[in-house]
Amino acid sequence: MSIIDKLAFSFLSELHSDDVKETFESLSNMLEALENKDDPDPVELEITYISYQLIEKLNLLTDLLKKYVTENDILLGDKIQSLRYRTITLFE
């Protein structure tokens, strides 16, 4: 496994950590408040726009990294972990 493989796998693992989930919950709450604001300032509109771009880009990056690590056969640990949490079946 190359260093890039390890870093990609590490990033994906950390992206699904509780700390990051809390960060995105905070971002989601902020976006909801901004979207419900009657007369947002230009900077608030920009924050909303950039935040949605960030979320979209992170989703694209995550999908590409999952494909990358799968193609390089380093997701065995992830499959075992998924089995443990019953998110996939043994024969997937």
PDB file of N, CA and C in Angstrom:
ATOM      1  N   MET A   1       0.863  -1.180   0.000  1.00  0.00           N
ATOM      2  CA  MET A   1       0.000   0.000   0.000  1.00  0.00           C
ATOM      3  C   MET A   1       0.903   1.235   0.000  1.00  0.00           C
ATOM      4  N   SER A   2       0.692   2.108  -0.968  1.00  0.00           N
ATOM      5  CA  SER A   2       1.505   3.320  -1.063  1.00  0.00           C
ATOM      6  C   SER A   2       1.074   4.339  -0.005  1.00  0.00           C
ATOM      7  N   ILE A   3       1.891   5.354   0.150  1.00  0.00           N
ATOM      8  CA  ILE A   3       1.582   6.415   1.116  1.00  0.00           C
ATOM      9  C   ILE A   3       0.300   7.144   0.717  1.00  0.00           C
ATOM     10  N   ILE A   4       0.070   7.304  -0.586  1.00  0.00           N
ATOM     11  CA  ILE A   4      -1.150   7.976  -1.041  1.00  0.00           C
ATOM     12  C   ILE A   4      -2.374   7.127  -0.708  1.00  0.00           C
ATOM     13  N   ASP A   5      -2.254   5.815  -0.892  1.00  0.00           N
ATOM     14  CA  ASP A   5      -3.349   4.918  -0.522  1.00  0.00           C
ATOM     15  C   ASP A   5      -3.678   5.061   0.962  1.00  0.00           C
ATOM     16  N   LYS A   6      -2.637   5.068   1.779  1.00  0.00           N
ATOM     17  CA  LYS A   6      -2.829   5.182   3.231  1.00  0.00           C
ATOM     18  C   LYS A   6      -3.477   6.513   3.601  1.00  0.00           C
ATOM     19  N   LEU A   7      -3.014   7.584   2.966  1.00  0.00           N
ATOM     20  CA  LEU A   7      -3.568   8.909   3.265  1.00  0.00           C
ATOM     21  C   LEU A   7      -5.013   9.024   2.801  1.00  0.00           C
ATOM     22  N   ALA A   8      -5.321   8.470   1.640  1.00  0.00           N
ATOM     23  CA  ALA A   8      -6.701   8.498   1.139  1.00  0.00           C
ATOM     24  C   ALA A   8      -7.614   7.728   2.089  1.00  0.00           C
ATOM     25  N   PHE A   9      -7.175   6.551   2.497  1.00  0.00           N
ATOM     26  CA  PHE A   9      -7.965   5.742   3.426  1.00  0.00           C
ATOM     27  C   PHE A   9      -8.129   6.461   4.766  1.00  0.00           C
ATOM     28  N   SER A  10      -7.048   7.075   5.246  1.00  0.00           N
ATOM     29  CA  SER A  10      -7.102   7.822   6.510  1.00  0.00           C
ATOM     30  C   SER A  10      -8.075   8.987   6.415  1.00  0.00           C
ATOM     31  N   PHE A  11      -8.032   9.721   5.307  1.00  0.00           N
ATOM     32  CA  PHE A  11      -8.946  10.852   5.118  1.00  0.00           C
ATOM     33  C   PHE A  11     -10.394  10.390   5.132  1.00  0.00           C
ATOM     34  N   LEU A  12     -10.676   9.297   4.417  1.00  0.00           N
ATOM     35  CA  LEU A  12     -12.044   8.777   4.392  1.00  0.00           C
ATOM     36  C   LEU A  12     -12.490   8.338   5.776  1.00  0.00           C
ATOM     37  N   SER A  13     -11.603   7.719   6.516  1.00  0.00           N
ATOM     38  CA  SER A  13     -11.940   7.288   7.878  1.00  0.00           C
ATOM     39  C   SER A  13     -12.235   8.478   8.780  1.00  0.00           C
ATOM     40  N   GLU A  14     -11.378   9.481   8.694  1.00  0.00           N
ATOM     41  CA  GLU A  14     -11.566  10.673   9.524  1.00  0.00           C
ATOM     42  C   GLU A  14     -12.809  11.459   9.118  1.00  0.00           C
ATOM     43  N   LEU A  15     -13.127  11.436   7.848  1.00  0.00           N
ATOM     44  CA  LEU A  15     -14.306  12.155   7.365  1.00  0.00           C
ATOM     45  C   LEU A  15     -15.590  11.597   7.974  1.00  0.00           C
ATOM     46  N   HIS A  16     -15.559  10.344   8.376  1.00  0.00           N
ATOM     47  CA  HIS A  16     -16.724   9.710   8.983  1.00  0.00           C
ATOM     48  C   HIS A  16     -16.631   9.656  10.502  1.00  0.00           C
ATOM     49  N   SER A  17     -15.714  10.414  11.086  1.00  0.00           N
ATOM     50  CA  SER A  17     -15.566  10.435  12.543  1.00  0.00           C
ATOM     51  C   SER A  17     -16.659  11.289  13.183  1.00  0.00           C
ATOM     52  N   ASP A  18     -16.856  11.091  14.466  1.00  0.00           N
ATOM     53  CA  ASP A  18     -17.883  11.842  15.191  1.00  0.00           C
ATOM     54  C   ASP A  18     -17.607  13.342  15.186  1.00  0.00           C
ATOM     55  N   ASP A  19     -16.326  13.726  15.301  1.00  0.00           N
ATOM     56  CA  ASP A  19     -15.988  15.152  15.310  1.00  0.00           C
ATOM     57  C   ASP A  19     -16.398  15.830  14.007  1.00  0.00           C
ATOM     58  N   VAL A  20     -16.130  15.179  12.905  1.00  0.00           N
ATOM     59  CA  VAL A  20     -16.479  15.767  11.609  1.00  0.00           C
ATOM     60  C   VAL A  20     -17.990  15.790  11.428  1.00  0.00           C
ATOM     61  N   LYS A  21     -18.676  14.757  11.902  1.00  0.00           N
ATOM     62  CA  LYS A  21     -20.132  14.745  11.818  1.00  0.00           C
ATOM     63  C   LYS A  21     -20.716  15.923  12.586  1.00  0.00           C
ATOM     64  N   GLU A  22     -20.149  16.225  13.755  1.00  0.00           N
ATOM     65  CA  GLU A  22     -20.621  17.373  14.540  1.00  0.00           C
ATOM     66  C   GLU A  22     -20.347  18.677  13.802  1.00  0.00           C
ATOM     67  N   THR A  23     -19.213  18.757  13.124  1.00  0.00           N
ATOM     68  CA  THR A  23     -18.884  19.954  12.356  1.00  0.00           C
ATOM     69  C   THR A  23     -19.906  20.184  11.253  1.00  0.00           C
ATOM     70  N   PHE A  24     -20.272  19.124  10.542  1.00  0.00           N
ATOM     71  CA  PHE A  24     -21.240  19.273   9.466  1.00  0.00           C
ATOM     72  C   PHE A  24     -22.653  19.499   9.993  1.00  0.00           C
ATOM     73  N   GLU A  25     -22.946  19.006  11.174  1.00  0.00           N
ATOM     74  CA  GLU A  25     -24.242  19.334  11.792  1.00  0.00           C
ATOM     75  C   GLU A  25     -24.301  20.818  12.114  1.00  0.00           C
ATOM     76  N   SER A  26     -23.205  21.373  12.615  1.00  0.00           N
ATOM     77  CA  SER A  26     -23.143  22.815  12.894  1.00  0.00           C
ATOM     78  C   SER A  26     -23.292  23.614  11.604  1.00  0.00           C
ATOM     79  N   LEU A  27     -22.614  23.175  10.556  1.00  0.00           N
ATOM     80  CA  LEU A  27     -22.731  23.848   9.264  1.00  0.00           C
ATOM     81  C   LEU A  27     -24.167  23.782   8.746  1.00  0.00           C
ATOM     82  N   SER A  28     -24.784  22.635   8.886  1.00  0.00           N
ATOM     83  CA  SER A  28     -26.175  22.460   8.449  1.00  0.00           C
ATOM     84  C   SER A  28     -27.114  23.379   9.224  1.00  0.00           C
ATOM     85  N   ASN A  29     -26.908  23.482  10.523  1.00  0.00           N
ATOM     86  CA  ASN A  29     -27.736  24.375  11.347  1.00  0.00           C
ATOM     87  C   ASN A  29     -27.548  25.831  10.936  1.00  0.00           C
ATOM     88  N   MET A  30     -26.300  26.214  10.658  1.00  0.00           N
ATOM     89  CA  MET A  30     -26.031  27.584  10.236  1.00  0.00           C
ATOM     90  C   MET A  30     -26.699  27.861   8.887  1.00  0.00           C
ATOM     91  N   LEU A  31     -26.599  26.903   7.953  1.00  0.00           N
ATOM     92  CA  LEU A  31     -27.222  27.090   6.637  1.00  0.00           C
ATOM     93  C   LEU A  31     -28.734  27.201   6.757  1.00  0.00           C
ATOM     94  N   GLU A  32     -29.312  26.402   7.626  1.00  0.00           N
ATOM     95  CA  GLU A  32     -30.757  26.478   7.823  1.00  0.00           C
ATOM     96  C   GLU A  32     -31.159  27.858   8.347  1.00  0.00           C
ATOM     97  N   ALA A  33     -30.393  28.372   9.298  1.00  0.00           N
ATOM     98  CA  ALA A  33     -30.686  29.699   9.846  1.00  0.00           C
ATOM     99  C   ALA A  33     -30.521  30.777   8.770  1.00  0.00           C
ATOM    100  N   LEU A  34     -29.477  30.651   7.957  1.00  0.00           N
ATOM    101  CA  LEU A  34     -29.261  31.633   6.887  1.00  0.00           C
ATOM    102  C   LEU A  34     -30.361  31.571   5.839  1.00  0.00           C
ATOM    103  N   GLU A  35     -30.809  30.368   5.509  1.00  0.00           N
ATOM    104  CA  GLU A  35     -31.863  30.222   4.506  1.00  0.00           C
ATOM    105  C   GLU A  35     -33.204  30.762   4.996  1.00  0.00           C
ATOM    106  N   ASN A  36     -33.429  30.732   6.294  1.00  0.00           N
ATOM    107  CA  ASN A  36     -34.694  31.197   6.860  1.00  0.00           C
ATOM    108  C   ASN A  36     -34.675  32.680   7.221  1.00  0.00           C
ATOM    109  N   LYS A  37     -33.539  33.332   7.023  1.00  0.00           N
ATOM    110  CA  LYS A  37     -33.417  34.752   7.324  1.00  0.00           C
ATOM    111  C   LYS A  37     -34.154  35.559   6.258  1.00  0.00           C
ATOM    112  N   ASP A  38     -34.954  36.520   6.698  1.00  0.00           N
ATOM    113  CA  ASP A  38     -35.772  37.305   5.773  1.00  0.00           C
ATOM    114  C   ASP A  38     -34.953  38.170   4.817  1.00  0.00           C
ATOM    115  N   ASP A  39     -33.992  38.876   5.315  1.00  0.00           N
ATOM    116  CA  ASP A  39     -33.225  39.793   4.483  1.00  0.00           C
ATOM    117  C   ASP A  39     -31.730  39.565   4.723  1.00  0.00           C
ATOM    118  N   PRO A  40     -31.170  38.522   4.092  1.00  0.00           N
ATOM    119  CA  PRO A  40     -29.752  38.229   4.348  1.00  0.00           C
ATOM    120  C   PRO A  40     -28.823  39.275   3.751  1.00  0.00           C
ATOM    121  N   ASP A  41     -27.718  39.500   4.444  1.00  0.00           N
ATOM    122  CA  ASP A  41     -26.676  40.399   3.947  1.00  0.00           C
ATOM    123  C   ASP A  41     -25.955  39.716   2.784  1.00  0.00           C
ATOM    124  N   PRO A  42     -25.294  40.504   1.947  1.00  0.00           N
ATOM    125  CA  PRO A  42     -24.532  39.898   0.847  1.00  0.00           C
ATOM    126  C   PRO A  42     -23.501  38.870   1.328  1.00  0.00           C
ATOM    127  N   VAL A  43     -22.854  39.157   2.448  1.00  0.00           N
ATOM    128  CA  VAL A  43     -21.857  38.212   2.962  1.00  0.00           C
ATOM    129  C   VAL A  43     -22.526  36.902   3.408  1.00  0.00           C
ATOM    130  N   GLU A  44     -23.732  36.972   3.930  1.00  0.00           N
ATOM    131  CA  GLU A  44     -24.458  35.772   4.331  1.00  0.00           C
ATOM    132  C   GLU A  44     -24.870  34.935   3.119  1.00  0.00           C
ATOM    133  N   LEU A  45     -25.233  35.602   2.040  1.00  0.00           N
ATOM    134  CA  LEU A  45     -25.527  34.899   0.796  1.00  0.00           C
ATOM    135  C   LEU A  45     -24.279  34.201   0.269  1.00  0.00           C
ATOM    136  N   GLU A  46     -23.153  34.891   0.360  1.00  0.00           N
ATOM    137  CA  GLU A  46     -21.887  34.311  -0.085  1.00  0.00           C
ATOM    138  C   GLU A  46     -21.500  33.104   0.782  1.00  0.00           C
ATOM    139  N   ILE A  47     -21.687  33.209   2.088  1.00  0.00           N
ATOM    140  CA  ILE A  47     -21.402  32.088   2.996  1.00  0.00           C
ATOM    141  C   ILE A  47     -22.262  30.882   2.621  1.00  0.00           C
ATOM    142  N   THR A  48     -23.533  31.132   2.359  1.00  0.00           N
ATOM    143  CA  THR A  48     -24.440  30.045   1.984  1.00  0.00           C
ATOM    144  C   THR A  48     -23.989  29.397   0.680  1.00  0.00           C
ATOM    145  N   TYR A  49     -23.678  30.206  -0.314  1.00  0.00           N
ATOM    146  CA  TYR A  49     -23.257  29.710  -1.621  1.00  0.00           C
ATOM    147  C   TYR A  49     -21.974  28.886  -1.511  1.00  0.00           C
ATOM    148  N   ILE A  50     -20.977  29.426  -0.826  1.00  0.00           N
ATOM    149  CA  ILE A  50     -19.686  28.742  -0.675  1.00  0.00           C
ATOM    150  C   ILE A  50     -19.840  27.473   0.154  1.00  0.00           C
ATOM    151  N   SER A  51     -20.684  27.504   1.156  1.00  0.00           N
ATOM    152  CA  SER A  51     -20.907  26.313   1.992  1.00  0.00           C
ATOM    153  C   SER A  51     -21.496  25.176   1.179  1.00  0.00           C
ATOM    154  N   TYR A  52     -22.463  25.486   0.334  1.00  0.00           N
ATOM    155  CA  TYR A  52     -23.043  24.443  -0.516  1.00  0.00           C
ATOM    156  C   TYR A  52     -22.032  23.919  -1.536  1.00  0.00           C
ATOM    157  N   GLN A  53     -21.178  24.808  -2.031  1.00  0.00           N
ATOM    158  CA  GLN A  53     -20.120  24.355  -2.932  1.00  0.00           C
ATOM    159  C   GLN A  53     -19.156  23.421  -2.201  1.00  0.00           C
ATOM    160  N   LEU A  54     -18.811  23.774  -0.975  1.00  0.00           N
ATOM    161  CA  LEU A  54     -17.920  22.935  -0.166  1.00  0.00           C
ATOM    162  C   LEU A  54     -18.513  21.550   0.043  1.00  0.00           C
ATOM    163  N   ILE A  55     -19.770  21.495   0.403  1.00  0.00           N
ATOM    164  CA  ILE A  55     -20.435  20.210   0.628  1.00  0.00           C
ATOM    165  C   ILE A  55     -20.446  19.384  -0.650  1.00  0.00           C
ATOM    166  N   GLU A  56     -20.765  20.032  -1.768  1.00  0.00           N
ATOM    167  CA  GLU A  56     -20.804  19.328  -3.053  1.00  0.00           C
ATOM    168  C   GLU A  56     -19.423  18.796  -3.427  1.00  0.00           C
ATOM    169  N   LYS A  57     -18.401  19.632  -3.259  1.00  0.00           N
ATOM    170  CA  LYS A  57     -17.035  19.216  -3.607  1.00  0.00           C
ATOM    171  C   LYS A  57     -16.551  18.097  -2.686  1.00  0.00           C
ATOM    172  N   LEU A  58     -16.877  18.161  -1.413  1.00  0.00           N
ATOM    173  CA  LEU A  58     -16.486  17.089  -0.494  1.00  0.00           C
ATOM    174  C   LEU A  58     -17.170  15.775  -0.855  1.00  0.00           C
ATOM    175  N   ASN A  59     -18.425  15.854  -1.255  1.00  0.00           N
ATOM    176  CA  ASN A  59     -19.125  14.636  -1.686  1.00  0.00           C
ATOM    177  C   ASN A  59     -18.472  14.041  -2.932  1.00  0.00           C
ATOM    178  N   LEU A  60     -18.114  14.899  -3.882  1.00  0.00           N
ATOM    179  CA  LEU A  60     -17.429  14.422  -5.091  1.00  0.00           C
ATOM    180  C   LEU A  60     -16.071  13.815  -4.755  1.00  0.00           C
ATOM    181  N   LEU A  61     -15.322  14.491  -3.890  1.00  0.00           N
ATOM    182  CA  LEU A  61     -14.012  13.990  -3.477  1.00  0.00           C
ATOM    183  C   LEU A  61     -14.138  12.654  -2.759  1.00  0.00           C
ATOM    184  N   THR A  62     -15.106  12.545  -1.872  1.00  0.00           N
ATOM    185  CA  THR A  62     -15.321  11.295  -1.140  1.00  0.00           C
ATOM    186  C   THR A  62     -15.627  10.155  -2.103  1.00  0.00           C
ATOM    187  N   ASP A  63     -16.501  10.404  -3.054  1.00  0.00           N
ATOM    188  CA  ASP A  63     -16.842   9.363  -4.027  1.00  0.00           C
ATOM    189  C   ASP A  63     -15.621   8.929  -4.839  1.00  0.00           C
ATOM    190  N   LEU A  64     -14.814   9.905  -5.267  1.00  0.00           N
ATOM    191  CA  LEU A  64     -13.616   9.569  -6.035  1.00  0.00           C
ATOM    192  C   LEU A  64     -12.601   8.804  -5.191  1.00  0.00           C
ATOM    193  N   LEU A  65     -12.423   9.226  -3.944  1.00  0.00           N
ATOM    194  CA  LEU A  65     -11.478   8.526  -3.076  1.00  0.00           C
ATOM    195  C   LEU A  65     -11.939   7.111  -2.764  1.00  0.00           C
ATOM    196  N   LYS A  66     -13.243   6.923  -2.585  1.00  0.00           N
ATOM    197  CA  LYS A  66     -13.756   5.567  -2.362  1.00  0.00           C
ATOM    198  C   LYS A  66     -13.478   4.696  -3.578  1.00  0.00           C
ATOM    199  N   LYS A  67     -13.667   5.258  -4.764  1.00  0.00           N
ATOM    200  CA  LYS A  67     -13.379   4.508  -5.985  1.00  0.00           C
ATOM    201  C   LYS A  67     -11.888   4.208  -6.069  1.00  0.00           C
ATOM    202  N   TYR A  68     -11.069   5.173  -5.748  1.00  0.00           N
ATOM    203  CA  TYR A  68      -9.612   5.021  -5.795  1.00  0.00           C
ATOM    204  C   TYR A  68      -9.133   3.923  -4.848  1.00  0.00           C
ATOM    205  N   VAL A  69      -9.566   3.973  -3.615  1.00  0.00           N
ATOM    206  CA  VAL A  69      -9.083   2.971  -2.663  1.00  0.00           C
ATOM    207  C   VAL A  69      -9.669   1.599  -2.963  1.00  0.00           C
ATOM    208  N   THR A  70     -10.867   1.535  -3.512  1.00  0.00           N
ATOM    209  CA  THR A  70     -11.458   0.255  -3.894  1.00  0.00           C
ATOM    210  C   THR A  70     -10.673  -0.364  -5.044  1.00  0.00           C
ATOM    211  N   GLU A  71     -10.330   0.458  -6.027  1.00  0.00           N
ATOM    212  CA  GLU A  71      -9.561  -0.036  -7.169  1.00  0.00           C
ATOM    213  C   GLU A  71      -8.176  -0.510  -6.747  1.00  0.00           C
ATOM    214  N   ASN A  72      -7.644   0.036  -5.679  1.00  0.00           N
ATOM    215  CA  ASN A  72      -6.324  -0.353  -5.187  1.00  0.00           C
ATOM    216  C   ASN A  72      -6.406  -1.417  -4.099  1.00  0.00           C
ATOM    217  N   ASP A  73      -7.591  -1.989  -3.914  1.00  0.00           N
ATOM    218  CA  ASP A  73      -7.794  -3.103  -2.989  1.00  0.00           C
ATOM    219  C   ASP A  73      -7.333  -2.825  -1.560  1.00  0.00           C
ATOM    220  N   ILE A  74      -7.591  -1.632  -1.063  1.00  0.00           N
ATOM    221  CA  ILE A  74      -7.211  -1.383   0.323  1.00  0.00           C
ATOM    222  C   ILE A  74      -8.432  -1.191   1.210  1.00  0.00           C
ATOM    223  N   LEU A  75      -9.603  -1.523   0.700  1.00  0.00           N
ATOM    224  CA  LEU A  75     -10.804  -1.367   1.506  1.00  0.00           C
ATOM    225  C   LEU A  75     -11.181  -2.629   2.280  1.00  0.00           C
ATOM    226  N   LEU A  76     -10.316  -3.612   2.332  1.00  0.00           N
ATOM    227  CA  LEU A  76     -10.644  -4.826   3.055  1.00  0.00           C
ATOM    228  C   LEU A  76     -11.027  -4.504   4.496  1.00  0.00           C
ATOM    229  N   GLY A  77     -10.255  -3.662   5.162  1.00  0.00           N
ATOM    230  CA  GLY A  77     -10.575  -3.285   6.533  1.00  0.00           C
ATOM    231  C   GLY A  77     -11.915  -2.584   6.611  1.00  0.00           C
ATOM    232  N   ASP A  78     -12.222  -1.754   5.616  1.00  0.00           N
ATOM    233  CA  ASP A  78     -13.492  -1.049   5.590  1.00  0.00           C
ATOM    234  C   ASP A  78     -14.644  -2.034   5.405  1.00  0.00           C
ATOM    235  N   LYS A  79     -14.455  -3.054   4.566  1.00  0.00           N
ATOM    236  CA  LYS A  79     -15.499  -4.058   4.371  1.00  0.00           C
ATOM    237  C   LYS A  79     -15.730  -4.848   5.649  1.00  0.00           C
ATOM    238  N   ILE A  80     -14.651  -5.180   6.349  1.00  0.00           N
ATOM    239  CA  ILE A  80     -14.794  -5.889   7.621  1.00  0.00           C
ATOM    240  C   ILE A  80     -15.531  -5.010   8.621  1.00  0.00           C
ATOM    241  N   GLN A  81     -15.181  -3.737   8.662  1.00  0.00           N
ATOM    242  CA  GLN A  81     -15.858  -2.806   9.559  1.00  0.00           C
ATOM    243  C   GLN A  81     -17.332  -2.662   9.178  1.00  0.00           C
ATOM    244  N   SER A  82     -17.626  -2.622   7.884  1.00  0.00           N
ATOM    245  CA  SER A  82     -19.012  -2.518   7.427  1.00  0.00           C
ATOM    246  C   SER A  82     -19.810  -3.752   7.802  1.00  0.00           C
ATOM    247  N   LEU A  83     -19.168  -4.902   7.709  1.00  0.00           N
ATOM    248  CA  LEU A  83     -19.834  -6.130   8.152  1.00  0.00           C
ATOM    249  C   LEU A  83     -20.153  -6.058   9.640  1.00  0.00           C
ATOM    250  N   ARG A  84     -19.197  -5.542  10.383  1.00  0.00           N
ATOM    251  CA  ARG A  84     -19.388  -5.420  11.828  1.00  0.00           C
ATOM    252  C   ARG A  84     -20.606  -4.555  12.149  1.00  0.00           C
ATOM    253  N   TYR A  85     -20.741  -3.465  11.417  1.00  0.00           N
ATOM    254  CA  TYR A  85     -21.858  -2.551  11.653  1.00  0.00           C
ATOM    255  C   TYR A  85     -23.070  -2.891  10.792  1.00  0.00           C
ATOM    256  N   ARG A  86     -22.995  -4.010  10.061  1.00  0.00           N
ATOM    257  CA  ARG A  86     -24.076  -4.552   9.253  1.00  0.00           C
ATOM    258  C   ARG A  86     -24.582  -3.580   8.189  1.00  0.00           C
ATOM    259  N   THR A  87     -23.659  -2.808   7.637  1.00  0.00           N
ATOM    260  CA  THR A  87     -24.051  -1.903   6.557  1.00  0.00           C
ATOM    261  C   THR A  87     -23.912  -2.572   5.199  1.00  0.00           C
ATOM    262  N   ILE A  88     -23.182  -3.694   5.140  1.00  0.00           N
ATOM    263  CA  ILE A  88     -23.124  -4.486   3.918  1.00  0.00           C
ATOM    264  C   ILE A  88     -23.256  -5.938   4.306  1.00  0.00           C
ATOM    265  N   THR A  89     -23.535  -6.773   3.326  1.00  0.00           N
ATOM    266  CA  THR A  89     -23.583  -8.206   3.584  1.00  0.00           C
ATOM    267  C   THR A  89     -22.254  -8.834   3.208  1.00  0.00           C
ATOM    268  N   LEU A  90     -22.047 -10.050   3.604  1.00  0.00           N
ATOM    269  CA  LEU A  90     -20.793 -10.740   3.381  1.00  0.00           C
ATOM    270  C   LEU A  90     -20.472 -10.885   1.902  1.00  0.00           C
ATOM    271  N   PHE A  91     -21.477 -10.974   1.054  1.00  0.00           N
ATOM    272  CA  PHE A  91     -21.254 -11.270  -0.348  1.00  0.00           C
ATOM    273  C   PHE A  91     -21.291 -10.053  -1.251  1.00  0.00           C
ATOM    274  N   GLU A  92     -21.193  -8.865  -0.714  1.00  0.00           N
ATOM    275  CA  GLU A  92     -21.142  -7.654  -1.544  1.00  0.00           C
ATOM    276  C   GLU A  92     -19.742  -7.435  -2.044  1.00  0.00           C
TER     277      GLU A  92
END
